[in-house]
Amino acid sequence: MYPGIAPLSLLATVMLAGCMTTADQENRWVFTCPDGYEFTAEYSAGAGSVILQDENRQLKLNIERSASGALYTDGDTVFWNKGVMARVESGEADNRVVHQDCQGVSD
């Protein structure tokens, strides 16, 4: 490789990334869980939130601090994902519904 080529490639990549709009940064994933539960997650990088939607409801969750992966919540529902894996929890503490090991694909 020629000296100076790698830094120029990196600079070009950074400059192009700076030109991306919020619409370019949004993406939608479809998740399917082993228990049959299916939902979509539409990420909005600029807003720091995700919109989860299943056949019964649509929720907007805000990003929270997480030690690993990405964690979103609205105070009741919690959505955590890392790579293509996800987990959703919702409901009251004594009647909590948990969907785990959900696999996602980009839509």
Protein backbone atom coordinates (compact mmCIF):
# COMPACT_ATOMS: atom_id res chain seq x y z
CA MET A 1 0.00 0.00 0.00
CA TYR A 2 1.23 3.51 -0.73
CA PRO A 3 1.97 5.81 2.22
CA GLY A 4 -0.75 8.38 2.72
CA ILE A 5 -3.50 6.42 0.91
CA ALA A 6 -5.09 5.00 4.06
CA PRO A 7 -5.42 8.43 5.76
CA LEU A 8 -7.02 9.84 2.59
CA SER A 9 -9.50 6.94 2.47
CA LEU A 10 -10.37 7.51 6.11
CA LEU A 11 -10.84 11.24 5.50
CA ALA A 12 -13.15 10.57 2.54
CA THR A 13 -15.22 8.14 4.63
CA VAL A 14 -15.56 10.65 7.47
CA MET A 15 -16.56 13.41 5.04
CA LEU A 16 -19.22 11.23 3.42
CA ALA A 17 -20.60 10.19 6.80
CA GLY A 18 -20.93 13.86 7.70
CA CYS A 19 -23.19 14.35 4.67
CA MET A 20 -25.70 11.70 5.77
CA THR A 21 -29.13 12.97 6.72
CA THR A 22 -31.27 11.66 9.57
CA ALA A 23 -33.32 9.71 7.03
CA ASP A 24 -30.13 7.93 5.91
CA GLN A 25 -29.39 6.95 9.50
CA GLU A 26 -32.83 5.49 10.22
CA ASN A 27 -33.29 1.81 9.72
CA ARG A 28 -36.00 -0.76 10.30
CA TRP A 29 -35.57 -4.30 11.63
CA VAL A 30 -38.04 -7.16 11.91
CA PHE A 31 -37.56 -9.40 14.96
CA THR A 32 -38.93 -12.91 15.45
CA CYS A 33 -38.78 -14.56 18.87
CA PRO A 34 -38.72 -18.32 19.65
CA ASP A 35 -42.10 -17.96 21.42
CA GLY A 36 -43.71 -16.72 18.16
CA TYR A 37 -43.79 -13.02 19.06
CA GLU A 38 -42.90 -10.73 16.13
CA PHE A 39 -42.28 -7.00 16.11
CA THR A 40 -40.49 -4.27 14.20
CA ALA A 41 -37.97 -1.79 15.52
CA GLU A 42 -37.40 1.46 13.65
CA TYR A 43 -34.27 3.20 14.85
CA SER A 44 -33.77 6.93 14.57
CA ALA A 45 -30.12 7.72 15.27
CA GLY A 46 -30.63 11.47 15.43
CA ALA A 47 -33.47 11.22 17.95
CA GLY A 48 -31.84 8.59 20.21
CA SER A 49 -35.00 6.52 20.16
CA VAL A 50 -36.65 3.46 18.68
CA ILE A 51 -40.24 2.82 17.70
CA LEU A 52 -41.40 -0.72 18.45
CA GLN A 53 -44.51 -1.99 16.73
CA ASP A 54 -46.36 -5.28 16.93
CA GLU A 55 -49.86 -6.23 15.78
CA ASN A 56 -51.46 -4.50 18.81
CA ARG A 57 -49.45 -1.41 19.63
CA GLN A 58 -46.74 1.07 18.77
CA LEU A 59 -44.33 2.44 21.38
CA LYS A 60 -41.60 5.06 21.31
CA LEU A 61 -38.71 4.17 23.62
CA ASN A 62 -35.77 6.42 24.47
CA ILE A 63 -32.18 5.26 24.63
CA GLU A 64 -30.67 4.66 28.08
CA ARG A 65 -27.18 3.89 29.31
CA SER A 66 -26.19 0.26 28.86
CA ALA A 67 -23.06 -1.72 29.70
CA SER A 68 -23.45 -3.78 26.53
CA GLY A 69 -25.64 -3.39 23.45
CA ALA A 70 -28.36 -0.76 23.19
CA LEU A 71 -31.07 -0.28 25.81
CA TYR A 72 -34.32 1.62 25.23
CA THR A 73 -37.25 2.17 27.60
CA ASP A 74 -40.37 4.23 28.21
CA GLY A 75 -40.45 3.39 31.92
CA ASP A 76 -42.61 0.28 31.42
CA THR A 77 -41.37 -1.50 28.32
CA VAL A 78 -37.67 -2.31 27.99
CA PHE A 79 -36.03 -3.20 24.66
CA TRP A 80 -32.42 -4.35 24.56
CA ASN A 81 -30.52 -5.41 21.49
CA LYS A 82 -27.00 -6.27 20.50
CA GLY A 83 -26.29 -7.05 16.88
CA VAL A 84 -29.16 -9.12 15.52
CA MET A 85 -30.34 -10.37 18.95
CA ALA A 86 -33.02 -8.64 21.04
CA ARG A 87 -35.09 -8.91 24.22
CA VAL A 88 -38.36 -7.13 25.09
CA GLU A 89 -39.91 -6.91 28.57
CA SER A 90 -43.21 -5.23 29.46
CA GLY A 91 -45.97 -5.22 32.06
CA GLU A 92 -46.21 -4.99 35.81
CA ALA A 93 -43.48 -6.50 37.99
CA ASP A 94 -45.68 -9.41 39.13
CA ASN A 95 -46.99 -10.06 35.59
CA ARG A 96 -43.97 -9.22 33.43
CA VAL A 97 -43.96 -10.52 29.83
CA VAL A 98 -40.50 -11.36 28.48
CA HIS A 99 -39.61 -12.18 24.88
CA GLN A 100 -35.96 -13.15 24.58
CA ASP A 101 -33.50 -14.53 22.04
CA CYS A 102 -35.35 -12.67 19.28
CA GLN A 103 -33.54 -12.69 15.92
CA GLY A 104 -33.64 -9.62 13.71
CA VAL A 105 -33.23 -8.96 10.00
CA SER A 106 -32.95 -5.57 8.34
CA ASP A 107 -36.11 -4.66 6.48
